[in-house]
Amino acid sequence: MPRYEYSCSFCEGEIVIRHLSDEIINVCPECLKEGGLQKKLSTFNTFHRSKKSKKRTGETTEEFIKAAREELQQQKSDLDEER
């Protein structure tokens, strides 16, 4: 699932939410008020190797995948605890 960045006009929070592109998110998960979220414009990560960067091509992608897997495992364990 892609990540989308939002800002809330009520609590002024910066929130990153994973959801499908056709889903509409209206309620801020921080302050729980409806109608205050605004989707922010995000930039893409570049995967090319710059002269300053010592990372090999695709390393940024691998780091993102690893972080996403850890986040999903945490969400799964949170859901299991709720049951």
C-alpha atoms as a PDB file:
ATOM      1  CA  MET A   1       0.000   0.000   0.000  1.00  0.00           C
ATOM      2  CA  PRO A   2       1.290   3.450  -0.785  1.00  0.00           C
ATOM      3  CA  ARG A   3       1.980   6.007   1.899  1.00  0.00           C
ATOM      4  CA  TYR A   4       0.280   9.378   1.807  1.00  0.00           C
ATOM      5  CA  GLU A   5       1.233  12.438   3.808  1.00  0.00           C
ATOM      6  CA  TYR A   6      -1.498  14.578   5.339  1.00  0.00           C
ATOM      7  CA  SER A   7      -1.639  17.675   7.470  1.00  0.00           C
ATOM      8  CA  CYS A   8      -4.506  18.414   9.837  1.00  0.00           C
ATOM      9  CA  SER A   9      -5.831  21.960  10.005  1.00  0.00           C
ATOM     10  CA  PHE A  10      -7.282  21.363  13.478  1.00  0.00           C
ATOM     11  CA  CYS A  11      -4.367  19.860  15.411  1.00  0.00           C
ATOM     12  CA  GLU A  12      -1.673  20.967  12.910  1.00  0.00           C
ATOM     13  CA  GLY A  13      -0.299  17.426  12.913  1.00  0.00           C
ATOM     14  CA  GLU A  14       1.746  15.876  10.128  1.00  0.00           C
ATOM     15  CA  ILE A  15       0.457  12.351   9.508  1.00  0.00           C
ATOM     16  CA  VAL A  16       1.605   9.536   7.206  1.00  0.00           C
ATOM     17  CA  ILE A  17      -1.150   7.055   6.404  1.00  0.00           C
ATOM     18  CA  ARG A  18      -1.026   3.890   4.307  1.00  0.00           C
ATOM     19  CA  HIS A  19      -4.140   3.257   2.270  1.00  0.00           C
ATOM     20  CA  LEU A  20      -5.350   2.427  -1.200  1.00  0.00           C
ATOM     21  CA  SER A  21      -5.387   5.308  -3.665  1.00  0.00           C
ATOM     22  CA  ASP A  22      -9.185   5.233  -4.056  1.00  0.00           C
ATOM     23  CA  GLU A  23      -9.855   5.411  -0.313  1.00  0.00           C
ATOM     24  CA  ILE A  24     -10.872   8.788   1.088  1.00  0.00           C
ATOM     25  CA  ILE A  25      -9.549   9.659   4.532  1.00  0.00           C
ATOM     26  CA  ASN A  26     -11.588  12.368   6.285  1.00  0.00           C
ATOM     27  CA  VAL A  27     -10.919  11.779   9.990  1.00  0.00           C
ATOM     28  CA  CYS A  28      -7.614  12.776  11.567  1.00  0.00           C
ATOM     29  CA  PRO A  29      -6.210   9.839  13.562  1.00  0.00           C
ATOM     30  CA  GLU A  30      -4.582  12.263  16.020  1.00  0.00           C
ATOM     31  CA  CYS A  31      -7.446  14.581  17.033  1.00  0.00           C
ATOM     32  CA  LEU A  32     -10.330  12.449  15.614  1.00  0.00           C
ATOM     33  CA  LYS A  33     -11.965  15.480  13.986  1.00  0.00           C
ATOM     34  CA  GLU A  34     -13.579  15.112  10.590  1.00  0.00           C
ATOM     35  CA  GLY A  35     -12.813  17.305   7.595  1.00  0.00           C
ATOM     36  CA  GLY A  36      -9.462  18.752   8.621  1.00  0.00           C
ATOM     37  CA  LEU A  37      -7.081  16.504   6.685  1.00  0.00           C
ATOM     38  CA  GLN A  38      -5.386  17.810   3.577  1.00  0.00           C
ATOM     39  CA  LYS A  39      -3.206  15.574   1.408  1.00  0.00           C
ATOM     40  CA  LYS A  40       0.278  16.975   0.980  1.00  0.00           C
ATOM     41  CA  LEU A  41       2.321  16.848  -2.172  1.00  0.00           C
ATOM     42  CA  SER A  42       5.102  14.302  -1.808  1.00  0.00           C
ATOM     43  CA  THR A  43       8.306  13.897  -3.726  1.00  0.00           C
ATOM     44  CA  PHE A  44       9.516  10.590  -5.098  1.00  0.00           C
ATOM     45  CA  ASN A  45      12.687   8.994  -3.834  1.00  0.00           C
ATOM     46  CA  THR A  46      15.308   8.932  -6.511  1.00  0.00           C
ATOM     47  CA  PHE A  47      16.964   5.608  -7.024  1.00  0.00           C
ATOM     48  CA  HIS A  48      19.919   6.738  -9.102  1.00  0.00           C
ATOM     49  CA  ARG A  49      23.346   6.976  -7.575  1.00  0.00           C
ATOM     50  CA  SER A  50      24.602  10.506  -7.154  1.00  0.00           C
ATOM     51  CA  LYS A  51      28.273  11.408  -6.948  1.00  0.00           C
ATOM     52  CA  LYS A  52      27.945  12.196  -3.231  1.00  0.00           C
ATOM     53  CA  SER A  53      25.951   9.092  -2.360  1.00  0.00           C
ATOM     54  CA  LYS A  54      27.788   5.885  -1.582  1.00  0.00           C
ATOM     55  CA  LYS A  55      24.599   3.822  -1.720  1.00  0.00           C
ATOM     56  CA  ARG A  56      24.250   1.410  -4.573  1.00  0.00           C
ATOM     57  CA  THR A  57      21.265   1.557  -6.901  1.00  0.00           C
ATOM     58  CA  GLY A  58      18.146   0.120  -5.280  1.00  0.00           C
ATOM     59  CA  GLU A  59      19.455   0.306  -1.718  1.00  0.00           C
ATOM     60  CA  THR A  60      16.895   2.979  -0.874  1.00  0.00           C
ATOM     61  CA  THR A  61      14.164   0.634  -2.137  1.00  0.00           C
ATOM     62  CA  GLU A  62      15.486  -2.224  -0.025  1.00  0.00           C
ATOM     63  CA  GLU A  63      15.498  -0.008   3.074  1.00  0.00           C
ATOM     64  CA  PHE A  64      11.914   1.071   2.365  1.00  0.00           C
ATOM     65  CA  ILE A  65      10.770  -2.540   1.918  1.00  0.00           C
ATOM     66  CA  LYS A  66      12.469  -3.576   5.163  1.00  0.00           C
ATOM     67  CA  ALA A  67      10.842  -0.689   7.061  1.00  0.00           C
ATOM     68  CA  ALA A  68       7.444  -1.492   5.523  1.00  0.00           C
ATOM     69  CA  ARG A  69       7.715  -5.154   6.534  1.00  0.00           C
ATOM     70  CA  GLU A  70       8.598  -4.197  10.104  1.00  0.00           C
ATOM     71  CA  GLU A  71       5.663  -1.795  10.233  1.00  0.00           C
ATOM     72  CA  LEU A  72       3.269  -4.457   8.912  1.00  0.00           C
ATOM     73  CA  GLN A  73       4.526  -6.981  11.465  1.00  0.00           C
ATOM     74  CA  GLN A  74       3.945  -4.425  14.230  1.00  0.00           C
ATOM     75  CA  GLN A  75       0.421  -3.729  12.970  1.00  0.00           C
ATOM     76  CA  LYS A  76      -0.295  -7.463  12.826  1.00  0.00           C
ATOM     77  CA  SER A  77       0.897  -7.995  16.397  1.00  0.00           C
ATOM     78  CA  ASP A  78      -1.191  -5.005  17.542  1.00  0.00           C
ATOM     79  CA  LEU A  79      -4.277  -6.539  15.914  1.00  0.00           C
ATOM     80  CA  ASP A  80      -3.565  -9.920  17.499  1.00  0.00           C
ATOM     81  CA  GLU A  81      -3.323  -8.248  20.916  1.00  0.00           C
ATOM     82  CA  GLU A  82      -6.687  -6.524  20.411  1.00  0.00           C
ATOM     83  CA  ARG A  83      -8.391  -9.868  19.771  1.00  0.00           C
END
